Each structure stands twice: as C-alpha cells, then as structure tokens.
Amino acid sequence: MFSFLRRKKEEVNSPLWLKCEKCKSLLFKGELEKNMWVCPKCSYHFKISVKERLYHLFDNHEYELLDENLVSVDPLNFVDTKPYKQRLEEAKKKTSFNEAIINAVGYINGNKVYLSCFNFDFMGGSMGSVVGEKLTRNIERAAKDKIPFICICASGGARMQEGMLSLMQMAKVSAALTKLEDAQTPYIAVLTHPTMGGVSASIAFLGDVILAEPGALIGFAGPRVIEQTIRQKLPEGFQTAEFLLKHGLIDEVVDRRHLKETLTKYIENLKYSL
C-alpha cells in the first residue's frame, strides 16, 4: 500500500483549498502553510495553532516546554451548561495540551528568550489560576536569569468558572512584571487575534514594546457592551490593531512573516537601553 493511503483520516478529509475571509480568493492549503498562513493576495492573517507559531519563531524549530505538570482544578465545583471539570477534559483532548498557555525557552536568531504563548483553542485562551501561575513562573525565570521575556497573547479574558481566583491573576502577573523592570530585562508583548478581557487589561499592555498582528481584535469589552454603557456610537474598527496603532496604544503592527526579525531587532536594542 502506498504511503499516501495510510494517512490519518482527518488529513485525507481536510480541504486542499481554502477561501480567504477578507478577499474571498481561493487559496491552496500547501501554499498557505508555506506562507505562514498569510493570504498572499491581501495579507489576511489566518488563525494558526500554538505549535505552528512556536515552530516558526524558534531557531531550528527547537524549544523546551516548561511547567507542563501544572493543571487546573475545580475549586468551586462550578457547573453551567456542563461541569467545569468536563470542560477541562474536553479542552485537553481537543488541543493535546494541559492548559491555555504554554511556557517555553529557546533561541530567536541566537538570542535566548523565555516565551509564554496563549492557546485560544483551550477554552478561548481564558486566564485561570494555572495560566496566571505559569506566566508568573516564566516571568520570574526571565528576571532571575536576565533573559528577555515574550508573551504572545490570544485570549477572551478571565476564566469565570474559577471566580475570584481567575480575577486575581491580573494583579498577580502585573506584579510579577515589576521584577523584570527591577532586573532591567526586556518584556515584549505580541497581541494576536483576539486579545480581550482581563488579559488585555493586564499583561498584554504592560510590555516595554507592544506589537500586534494585522487585523487583530484587541480590547476589553465587546463593542455592543461599550455602546450600551456609554450610549454613544463608536468608530468603525476601533478595536483593531491598526486603529490602536494610529492612536498610540501599541508600538507596531507586524506581519507574521516578519515577526521573528522584528522581535530580534527589539531584543537586541533593548539589551542596551534598559
């Protein structure tokens, strides 16, 4: 039997052609993968997995995962339409990861970095107690070793199944970042689609440099909630990366294909300026 007949069922059934959500062009999946899931015609950024993101960022596609033994528990025995424990188990099976964030250490163009990357596929990248703890541990390592810290954000906000414990993580990671400042160690935040809620209200906007991918949705609450609260019509696209750049809330909008080189530029420059 030929090898292509022995592929996994989901690989055989996966579409070879995909339509760009922005320009509606029909794109060959293989070419999109080579182009880091960026539309070659309009530069629309498709969603990518955590594994793909780290594969492209680290030198030789090599990195070490950290804190993989930390897993969430159910302190409140919380139940909505289904038990929180069940949601956790389903997320683990869906993503093959234990939590909504991954800690890693490796090299980016020869520069050693500690990196934390949110996994939006795991319960919307929500920040619970374990996500906060993993972030804090990676930040403290970076401060101790005086090695740059990078956080790639993609989250819907706090994980309310853990109640106050999830909200506490905003203060916890914000306080941990002061250790990087004391150690004069760079912190670079990369905001991807979407970065919302408590994550945007804490770690996402506390970087020495704040970068964002084109078209990323970035904000705290949704547009409808804000309009109902302030009773005013908001500008179109006010929560996009480009709008935030225009109004000085982020430093640069960076094409995914150039992210590694841009991170290298800031890492090497910040070494001598902090």
Protein backbone atom coordinates (compact mmCIF):
# COMPACT_ATOMS: atom_id res chain seq x y z
CA MET A 1 0.00 0.00 0.00
CA PHE A 2 1.33 3.47 -0.86
CA SER A 3 2.16 5.82 1.99
CA PHE A 4 -0.43 8.43 0.98
CA LEU A 5 -3.15 5.85 1.53
CA ARG A 6 -2.05 5.39 5.13
CA ARG A 7 -2.55 8.99 6.20
CA LYS A 8 -4.82 9.80 9.11
CA LYS A 9 -8.49 10.04 8.24
CA GLU A 10 -8.70 13.74 9.22
CA GLU A 11 -5.73 14.54 6.95
CA VAL A 12 -7.37 12.81 4.00
CA ASN A 13 -10.64 14.66 4.58
CA SER A 14 -9.08 18.08 5.21
CA PRO A 15 -9.77 20.64 2.41
CA LEU A 16 -6.96 21.29 -0.06
CA TRP A 17 -8.40 24.69 -0.95
CA LEU A 18 -9.45 27.43 1.44
CA LYS A 19 -11.23 30.72 0.86
CA CYS A 20 -9.70 33.89 2.27
CA GLU A 21 -12.18 35.55 4.65
CA LYS A 22 -11.09 39.02 3.54
CA CYS A 23 -10.56 38.99 -0.25
CA LYS A 24 -12.50 35.73 -0.91
CA SER A 25 -9.65 34.33 -3.04
CA LEU A 26 -9.40 30.55 -3.34
CA LEU A 27 -6.04 29.51 -1.89
CA PHE A 28 -4.15 26.22 -1.98
CA LYS A 29 -3.61 24.96 1.56
CA GLY A 30 0.00 23.90 0.90
CA GLU A 31 0.93 27.40 -0.29
CA LEU A 32 -0.77 28.96 2.71
CA GLU A 33 1.26 26.78 5.05
CA LYS A 34 4.48 27.85 3.32
CA ASN A 35 3.38 31.47 3.66
CA MET A 36 2.78 31.05 7.43
CA TRP A 37 -0.99 31.15 6.91
CA VAL A 38 -0.98 34.68 5.49
CA CYS A 39 -3.02 35.29 2.34
CA PRO A 40 -0.54 36.03 -0.49
CA LYS A 41 -3.06 38.34 -2.19
CA CYS A 42 -4.37 40.56 0.62
CA SER A 43 -2.14 39.63 3.62
CA TYR A 44 -5.10 38.47 5.70
CA HIS A 45 -3.77 36.55 8.70
CA PHE A 46 -5.43 33.17 9.19
CA LYS A 47 -5.59 31.68 12.67
CA ILE A 48 -2.66 29.37 13.46
CA SER A 49 -2.03 26.87 16.22
CA VAL A 50 0.41 27.34 19.08
CA LYS A 51 2.65 24.59 17.67
CA GLU A 52 2.85 26.32 14.29
CA ARG A 53 3.61 29.67 15.89
CA LEU A 54 6.46 28.31 18.01
CA TYR A 55 7.76 26.24 15.09
CA HIS A 56 8.29 29.39 13.04
CA LEU A 57 9.66 31.57 15.85
CA PHE A 58 12.39 29.43 17.41
CA ASP A 59 15.73 28.70 15.76
CA ASN A 60 15.88 25.26 14.11
CA HIS A 61 12.24 24.83 15.29
CA GLU A 62 13.63 23.71 18.66
CA TYR A 63 12.47 24.74 22.13
CA GLU A 64 11.94 23.28 25.58
CA LEU A 65 8.49 23.26 27.18
CA LEU A 66 8.28 24.26 30.84
CA ASP A 67 5.74 23.73 33.65
CA GLU A 68 3.78 21.10 31.73
CA ASN A 69 2.85 19.38 35.00
CA LEU A 70 0.60 22.25 36.15
CA VAL A 71 -3.11 21.56 35.60
CA SER A 72 -6.32 23.31 36.67
CA VAL A 73 -8.61 22.02 39.37
CA ASP A 74 -12.23 22.90 40.12
CA PRO A 75 -12.15 24.85 43.41
CA LEU A 76 -15.80 25.95 43.18
CA ASN A 77 -17.30 22.73 41.78
CA PHE A 78 -18.64 25.03 39.10
CA VAL A 79 -21.43 23.95 36.76
CA ASP A 80 -23.07 25.97 33.99
CA THR A 81 -24.40 24.07 30.99
CA LYS A 82 -21.84 21.41 31.90
CA PRO A 83 -19.39 20.83 34.78
CA TYR A 84 -16.10 22.77 34.69
CA LYS A 85 -14.19 19.50 35.11
CA GLN A 86 -15.83 18.19 31.95
CA ARG A 87 -14.90 21.38 30.06
CA LEU A 88 -11.28 20.96 31.12
CA GLU A 89 -11.13 17.35 29.98
CA GLU A 90 -12.71 18.20 26.63
CA ALA A 91 -10.22 21.03 26.10
CA LYS A 92 -7.30 18.72 26.90
CA LYS A 93 -8.50 16.14 24.38
CA LYS A 94 -9.17 18.78 21.73
CA THR A 95 -5.78 20.51 22.00
CA SER A 96 -3.43 17.83 23.42
CA PHE A 97 -2.30 20.45 25.96
CA ASN A 98 -2.96 20.70 29.69
CA GLU A 99 -3.75 24.41 29.82
CA ALA A 100 -4.48 27.59 27.89
CA ILE A 101 -0.87 28.76 27.93
CA ILE A 102 2.46 27.21 27.01
CA ASN A 103 5.78 28.15 28.60
CA ALA A 104 8.90 27.61 26.53
CA VAL A 105 12.57 28.54 26.41
CA GLY A 106 14.67 28.65 23.26
CA TYR A 107 16.57 30.89 20.87
CA ILE A 108 15.34 33.50 18.41
CA ASN A 109 18.12 34.33 15.95
CA GLY A 110 20.67 33.35 18.56
CA ASN A 111 19.04 35.28 21.42
CA LYS A 112 17.85 33.17 24.33
CA VAL A 113 14.30 34.01 25.41
CA TYR A 114 11.62 32.80 27.77
CA LEU A 115 8.30 32.77 25.96
CA SER A 116 4.69 32.26 27.04
CA CYS A 117 2.09 31.68 24.34
CA PHE A 118 -1.68 31.63 24.88
CA ASN A 119 -3.61 28.80 23.28
CA PHE A 120 -7.00 30.17 22.18
CA ASP A 121 -8.21 26.66 21.29
CA PHE A 122 -8.12 25.78 25.01
CA MET A 123 -11.29 27.35 26.44
CA GLY A 124 -10.77 30.56 24.49
CA GLY A 125 -7.32 31.15 25.97
CA SER A 126 -9.02 32.09 29.23
CA MET A 127 -6.81 33.09 32.14
CA GLY A 128 -7.42 30.95 35.21
CA SER A 129 -5.23 30.31 38.23
CA VAL A 130 -2.88 27.93 36.41
CA VAL A 131 -2.42 30.31 33.47
CA GLY A 132 -1.51 33.06 35.94
CA GLU A 133 0.88 30.77 37.79
CA LYS A 134 2.62 29.63 34.60
CA LEU A 135 3.00 33.23 33.43
CA THR A 136 4.42 34.24 36.80
CA ARG A 137 6.93 31.39 36.83
CA ASN A 138 8.20 32.23 33.35
CA ILE A 139 8.46 35.94 34.18
CA GLU A 140 10.39 35.19 37.36
CA ARG A 141 12.80 32.91 35.46
CA ALA A 142 13.43 35.66 32.93
CA ALA A 143 14.06 38.20 35.70
CA LYS A 144 16.39 35.86 37.60
CA ASP A 145 18.43 34.92 34.51
CA LYS A 146 18.13 38.42 32.97
CA ILE A 147 16.88 36.91 29.73
CA PRO A 148 14.16 38.65 27.63
CA PHE A 149 10.56 37.58 28.15
CA ILE A 150 7.99 37.42 25.33
CA CYS A 151 4.26 36.87 25.75
CA ILE A 152 2.09 36.06 22.75
CA CYS A 153 -1.48 36.89 23.72
CA ALA A 154 -4.71 35.41 22.36
CA SER A 155 -7.50 35.31 24.89
CA GLY A 156 -11.14 36.04 25.57
CA GLY A 157 -10.32 37.13 29.13
CA ALA A 158 -10.64 35.68 32.63
CA ARG A 159 -11.93 32.15 33.23
CA MET A 160 -15.00 32.84 35.25
CA GLN A 161 -15.51 29.17 36.22
CA GLU A 162 -12.83 29.89 38.83
CA GLY A 163 -14.48 33.06 40.10
CA MET A 164 -12.30 35.47 42.09
CA LEU A 165 -9.28 33.19 41.69
CA SER A 166 -9.22 33.95 37.97
CA LEU A 167 -9.55 37.72 38.51
CA MET A 168 -6.64 37.66 40.95
CA GLN A 169 -4.32 36.56 38.13
CA MET A 170 -4.49 40.02 36.55
CA ALA A 171 -2.85 41.54 39.62
CA LYS A 172 -0.53 38.58 40.08
CA VAL A 173 1.08 38.71 36.64
CA SER A 174 1.18 42.51 36.68
CA ALA A 175 3.09 42.43 39.97
CA ALA A 176 5.45 39.76 38.63
CA LEU A 177 6.35 42.01 35.69
CA THR A 178 7.84 44.57 38.09
CA LYS A 179 10.60 42.03 38.73
CA LEU A 180 11.58 42.27 35.07
CA GLU A 181 11.74 46.04 35.39
CA ASP A 182 13.90 45.78 38.53
CA ALA A 183 16.21 43.35 36.69
CA GLN A 184 16.33 45.68 33.65
CA THR A 185 15.16 42.79 31.49
CA PRO A 186 13.07 43.38 28.33
CA TYR A 187 9.46 42.29 28.05
CA ILE A 188 7.85 42.24 24.61
CA ALA A 189 4.11 41.65 24.21
CA VAL A 190 2.69 40.32 20.93
CA LEU A 191 -1.07 40.74 20.59
CA THR A 192 -2.82 38.37 18.20
CA HIS A 193 -6.46 37.83 17.26
CA PRO A 194 -8.27 38.14 19.62
CA THR A 195 -6.79 39.74 22.76
CA MET A 196 -9.67 40.74 25.02
CA GLY A 197 -10.87 40.99 28.60
CA GLY A 198 -8.60 40.60 31.60
CA VAL A 199 -5.58 39.67 29.50
CA SER A 200 -5.74 42.97 27.61
CA ALA A 201 -6.28 44.72 30.96
CA SER A 202 -3.09 43.29 32.43
CA ILE A 203 -0.14 41.54 30.83
CA ALA A 204 -0.94 42.42 27.21
CA PHE A 205 -0.45 46.16 27.65
CA LEU A 206 2.46 46.19 30.10
CA GLY A 207 5.28 45.40 27.68
CA ASP A 208 8.33 47.57 27.08
CA VAL A 209 7.30 47.06 23.45
CA ILE A 210 3.79 46.12 22.34
CA LEU A 211 3.42 44.53 18.91
CA ALA A 212 0.28 43.26 17.18
CA GLU A 213 -0.61 41.19 14.15
CA PRO A 214 -2.54 42.90 11.32
CA GLY A 215 -6.30 42.93 11.81
CA ALA A 216 -6.16 41.56 15.35
CA LEU A 217 -9.17 42.29 17.54
CA ILE A 218 -7.87 43.97 20.70
CA GLY A 219 -9.88 45.43 23.55
CA PHE A 220 -11.54 44.84 26.90
CA ALA A 221 -15.30 44.54 26.39
CA GLY A 222 -17.18 43.96 23.15
CA PRO A 223 -18.46 46.89 21.07
CA ARG A 224 -22.11 46.29 21.94
CA VAL A 225 -21.40 46.34 25.68
CA ILE A 226 -19.40 49.57 25.40
CA GLU A 227 -22.03 51.31 23.26
CA GLN A 228 -24.78 50.32 25.69
CA THR A 229 -22.70 51.62 28.60
CA ILE A 230 -21.62 54.99 27.20
CA ARG A 231 -24.66 55.39 24.89
CA GLN A 232 -22.54 56.58 22.01
CA LYS A 233 -21.79 55.23 18.55
CA LEU A 234 -18.19 54.02 18.33
CA PRO A 235 -15.86 54.47 15.31
CA GLU A 236 -15.75 51.58 12.87
CA GLY A 237 -12.85 49.23 13.54
CA PHE A 238 -11.96 50.92 16.83
CA GLN A 239 -10.73 47.65 18.33
CA THR A 240 -8.39 46.65 15.50
CA ALA A 241 -4.60 46.64 15.74
CA GLU A 242 -4.39 49.36 13.08
CA PHE A 243 -6.74 51.69 14.98
CA LEU A 244 -4.78 51.21 18.21
CA LEU A 245 -1.51 51.94 16.41
CA LYS A 246 -2.92 55.14 14.94
CA HIS A 247 -3.94 56.29 18.42
CA GLY A 248 -0.67 55.36 20.13
CA LEU A 249 -1.75 52.35 22.18
CA ILE A 250 0.66 49.90 20.54
CA ASP A 251 4.11 50.34 19.03
CA GLU A 252 3.96 48.44 15.75
CA VAL A 253 1.71 46.25 13.63
CA VAL A 254 3.87 43.39 12.36
CA ASP A 255 3.20 40.94 9.57
CA ARG A 256 3.54 37.40 10.92
CA ARG A 257 6.15 36.61 8.26
CA HIS A 258 8.39 39.34 9.69
CA LEU A 259 7.72 38.77 13.38
CA LYS A 260 10.90 36.81 14.11
CA GLU A 261 13.12 39.52 12.62
CA THR A 262 11.16 42.27 14.39
CA LEU A 263 11.46 40.52 17.75
CA THR A 264 15.19 40.14 17.17
CA LYS A 265 15.51 43.86 16.47
CA TYR A 266 13.78 44.85 19.71
CA ILE A 267 15.52 42.20 21.83
CA GLU A 268 18.95 43.32 20.72
CA ASN A 269 18.16 47.04 21.02
CA LEU A 270 16.50 46.77 24.43
CA LYS A 271 19.50 44.94 25.88
CA TYR A 272 21.42 48.21 25.81
CA SER A 273 18.65 50.68 26.62
CA LEU A 274 17.05 49.35 29.82
